[in-house]
Amino acid sequence: MEIIMSVAIGFLFMAAVYLMLSKSLIRIIIGTGLLSHGAHLLLLTMGGLGGNSPPVVSHGVSVSDYADPLPQALILTAIVISFAVTSFFLVLAYRSYQELGTDNMNLLRGTEDYE
């Protein structure tokens, strides 16, 4: 299962880098979203995928048979942060499109002269 997850993570990172290198601002935002999803899957895979063990030690479970809850907490925090960053990027892109009328990164650079 870890091999399949590694391939999926690699594909998400590849697609994210491809989208972030484009000239469209919307594609860059989608690329950052894909990159954050790849990071979430990476954290989940590093924490271990298998097992039906509970995340909290209860009375019937020995100490060595429980799942580590730390990767789940890290993923939950990363999901909240990536949602906030993506929503900020979307509002910023919408506002810049309203003001300038384009989402092309080459046209958003401005002019050389400052008159």
C-alpha atoms as a PDB file:
ATOM      1  CA  MET A   1       0.000   0.000   0.000  1.00  0.00           C
ATOM      2  CA  GLU A   2       2.897   2.357   0.680  1.00  0.00           C
ATOM      3  CA  ILE A   3       4.109   1.908  -2.901  1.00  0.00           C
ATOM      4  CA  ILE A   4       0.744   3.026  -4.305  1.00  0.00           C
ATOM      5  CA  MET A   5       0.680   6.007  -1.966  1.00  0.00           C
ATOM      6  CA  SER A   6       4.252   6.930  -2.965  1.00  0.00           C
ATOM      7  CA  VAL A   7       3.280   6.887  -6.640  1.00  0.00           C
ATOM      8  CA  ALA A   8       0.190   9.017  -5.901  1.00  0.00           C
ATOM      9  CA  ILE A   9       2.282  11.479  -3.886  1.00  0.00           C
ATOM     10  CA  GLY A  10       4.840  11.704  -6.679  1.00  0.00           C
ATOM     11  CA  PHE A  11       2.102  12.296  -9.253  1.00  0.00           C
ATOM     12  CA  LEU A  12       0.553  15.058  -7.102  1.00  0.00           C
ATOM     13  CA  PHE A  13       3.930  16.749  -6.643  1.00  0.00           C
ATOM     14  CA  MET A  14       4.642  16.465 -10.381  1.00  0.00           C
ATOM     15  CA  ALA A  15       1.290  17.972 -11.345  1.00  0.00           C
ATOM     16  CA  ALA A  16       1.653  20.711  -8.713  1.00  0.00           C
ATOM     17  CA  VAL A  17       5.073  21.789  -9.950  1.00  0.00           C
ATOM     18  CA  TYR A  18       3.849  21.767 -13.559  1.00  0.00           C
ATOM     19  CA  LEU A  19       0.860  23.952 -12.676  1.00  0.00           C
ATOM     20  CA  MET A  20       2.862  26.342 -10.505  1.00  0.00           C
ATOM     21  CA  LEU A  21       5.310  26.987 -13.359  1.00  0.00           C
ATOM     22  CA  SER A  22       2.538  28.171 -15.693  1.00  0.00           C
ATOM     23  CA  LYS A  23       1.644  31.790 -16.406  1.00  0.00           C
ATOM     24  CA  SER A  24      -1.966  31.736 -15.268  1.00  0.00           C
ATOM     25  CA  LEU A  25      -2.660  32.783 -11.702  1.00  0.00           C
ATOM     26  CA  ILE A  26      -5.532  30.299 -11.315  1.00  0.00           C
ATOM     27  CA  ARG A  27      -3.274  27.421 -12.363  1.00  0.00           C
ATOM     28  CA  ILE A  28      -0.714  28.522  -9.798  1.00  0.00           C
ATOM     29  CA  ILE A  29      -3.387  28.449  -7.078  1.00  0.00           C
ATOM     30  CA  ILE A  30      -4.549  24.990  -8.161  1.00  0.00           C
ATOM     31  CA  GLY A  31      -0.911  23.876  -8.111  1.00  0.00           C
ATOM     32  CA  THR A  32      -0.447  25.038  -4.534  1.00  0.00           C
ATOM     33  CA  GLY A  33      -3.615  23.152  -3.584  1.00  0.00           C
ATOM     34  CA  LEU A  34      -2.292  19.974  -5.190  1.00  0.00           C
ATOM     35  CA  LEU A  35       1.043  20.461  -3.458  1.00  0.00           C
ATOM     36  CA  SER A  36      -0.677  20.702  -0.086  1.00  0.00           C
ATOM     37  CA  HIS A  37      -2.688  17.532  -0.809  1.00  0.00           C
ATOM     38  CA  GLY A  38       0.536  15.749  -1.683  1.00  0.00           C
ATOM     39  CA  ALA A  39       2.072  16.914   1.595  1.00  0.00           C
ATOM     40  CA  HIS A  40      -0.974  15.625   3.496  1.00  0.00           C
ATOM     41  CA  LEU A  41      -0.650  12.212   1.878  1.00  0.00           C
ATOM     42  CA  LEU A  42       3.084  12.224   2.591  1.00  0.00           C
ATOM     43  CA  LEU A  43       2.462  12.856   6.292  1.00  0.00           C
ATOM     44  CA  LEU A  44      -0.181  10.132   6.355  1.00  0.00           C
ATOM     45  CA  THR A  45       2.108   7.635   4.664  1.00  0.00           C
ATOM     46  CA  MET A  46       5.026   8.463   6.954  1.00  0.00           C
ATOM     47  CA  GLY A  47       2.809   7.851   9.977  1.00  0.00           C
ATOM     48  CA  GLY A  48       1.945   4.353   8.826  1.00  0.00           C
ATOM     49  CA  LEU A  49      -1.101   3.149   6.946  1.00  0.00           C
ATOM     50  CA  GLY A  50      -1.873  -0.338   8.213  1.00  0.00           C
ATOM     51  CA  GLY A  51      -3.619  -1.580  11.271  1.00  0.00           C
ATOM     52  CA  ASN A  52      -6.965  -1.507  12.939  1.00  0.00           C
ATOM     53  CA  SER A  53      -5.539  -0.326  16.237  1.00  0.00           C
ATOM     54  CA  PRO A  54      -7.285   2.446  18.127  1.00  0.00           C
ATOM     55  CA  PRO A  55      -5.467   5.787  18.397  1.00  0.00           C
ATOM     56  CA  VAL A  56      -6.004   5.886  22.170  1.00  0.00           C
ATOM     57  CA  VAL A  57      -5.021   3.202  24.669  1.00  0.00           C
ATOM     58  CA  SER A  58      -8.108   1.656  26.253  1.00  0.00           C
ATOM     59  CA  HIS A  59      -8.477  -1.039  28.885  1.00  0.00           C
ATOM     60  CA  GLY A  60      -8.436  -4.016  26.493  1.00  0.00           C
ATOM     61  CA  VAL A  61      -5.476  -2.874  24.399  1.00  0.00           C
ATOM     62  CA  SER A  62      -1.837  -3.287  25.322  1.00  0.00           C
ATOM     63  CA  VAL A  63       0.533  -0.336  25.106  1.00  0.00           C
ATOM     64  CA  SER A  64       2.309  -1.642  21.989  1.00  0.00           C
ATOM     65  CA  ASP A  65      -0.923  -2.168  19.986  1.00  0.00           C
ATOM     66  CA  TYR A  66      -2.192   1.388  19.579  1.00  0.00           C
ATOM     67  CA  ALA A  67      -1.828   3.751  16.643  1.00  0.00           C
ATOM     68  CA  ASP A  68       0.175   6.952  16.876  1.00  0.00           C
ATOM     69  CA  PRO A  69      -2.247   9.936  16.881  1.00  0.00           C
ATOM     70  CA  LEU A  70       0.454  12.515  16.091  1.00  0.00           C
ATOM     71  CA  PRO A  71       0.367  12.156  12.263  1.00  0.00           C
ATOM     72  CA  GLN A  72      -3.409  12.550  12.309  1.00  0.00           C
ATOM     73  CA  ALA A  73      -3.114  15.732  14.350  1.00  0.00           C
ATOM     74  CA  LEU A  74      -0.420  17.084  12.014  1.00  0.00           C
ATOM     75  CA  ILE A  75      -2.553  16.350   8.948  1.00  0.00           C
ATOM     76  CA  LEU A  76      -5.578  18.047  10.501  1.00  0.00           C
ATOM     77  CA  THR A  77      -3.508  21.140  11.244  1.00  0.00           C
ATOM     78  CA  ALA A  78      -2.023  21.123   7.738  1.00  0.00           C
ATOM     79  CA  ILE A  79      -5.494  20.850   6.182  1.00  0.00           C
ATOM     80  CA  VAL A  80      -6.718  23.905   8.086  1.00  0.00           C
ATOM     81  CA  ILE A  81      -3.636  25.938   7.186  1.00  0.00           C
ATOM     82  CA  SER A  82      -3.789  24.973   3.501  1.00  0.00           C
ATOM     83  CA  PHE A  83      -7.486  25.856   3.362  1.00  0.00           C
ATOM     84  CA  ALA A  84      -6.741  29.299   4.786  1.00  0.00           C
ATOM     85  CA  VAL A  85      -3.830  29.904   2.401  1.00  0.00           C
ATOM     86  CA  THR A  86      -5.833  28.727  -0.624  1.00  0.00           C
ATOM     87  CA  SER A  87      -8.787  30.941   0.250  1.00  0.00           C
ATOM     88  CA  PHE A  88      -6.432  33.915   0.691  1.00  0.00           C
ATOM     89  CA  PHE A  89      -4.845  33.220  -2.709  1.00  0.00           C
ATOM     90  CA  LEU A  90      -8.270  32.977  -4.348  1.00  0.00           C
ATOM     91  CA  VAL A  91      -9.402  36.303  -2.900  1.00  0.00           C
ATOM     92  CA  LEU A  92      -6.120  37.905  -3.927  1.00  0.00           C
ATOM     93  CA  ALA A  93      -6.436  36.542  -7.474  1.00  0.00           C
ATOM     94  CA  TYR A  94     -10.052  37.689  -7.746  1.00  0.00           C
ATOM     95  CA  ARG A  95      -9.171  41.181  -6.569  1.00  0.00           C
ATOM     96  CA  SER A  96      -6.207  41.458  -8.913  1.00  0.00           C
ATOM     97  CA  TYR A  97      -8.362  40.270 -11.825  1.00  0.00           C
ATOM     98  CA  GLN A  98     -10.967  42.917 -10.964  1.00  0.00           C
ATOM     99  CA  GLU A  99      -8.375  45.675 -10.861  1.00  0.00           C
ATOM    100  CA  LEU A 100      -6.133  44.677 -13.754  1.00  0.00           C
ATOM    101  CA  GLY A 101      -8.385  42.576 -15.994  1.00  0.00           C
ATOM    102  CA  THR A 102      -5.921  39.713 -16.496  1.00  0.00           C
ATOM    103  CA  ASP A 103      -4.496  36.716 -14.675  1.00  0.00           C
ATOM    104  CA  ASN A 104      -1.398  36.365 -16.867  1.00  0.00           C
ATOM    105  CA  MET A 105       1.691  36.635 -14.697  1.00  0.00           C
ATOM    106  CA  ASN A 106       3.727  38.319 -17.451  1.00  0.00           C
ATOM    107  CA  LEU A 107       1.162  41.102 -17.759  1.00  0.00           C
ATOM    108  CA  LEU A 108       0.921  41.549 -13.971  1.00  0.00           C
ATOM    109  CA  ARG A 109       4.569  42.628 -13.729  1.00  0.00           C
ATOM    110  CA  GLY A 110       3.881  46.235 -14.687  1.00  0.00           C
ATOM    111  CA  THR A 111       5.928  48.552 -16.829  1.00  0.00           C
ATOM    112  CA  GLU A 112       9.570  49.469 -16.805  1.00  0.00           C
ATOM    113  CA  ASP A 113       9.089  53.217 -16.544  1.00  0.00           C
ATOM    114  CA  TYR A 114       7.601  54.766 -13.424  1.00  0.00           C
ATOM    115  CA  GLU A 115       6.165  57.999 -14.853  1.00  0.00           C
END
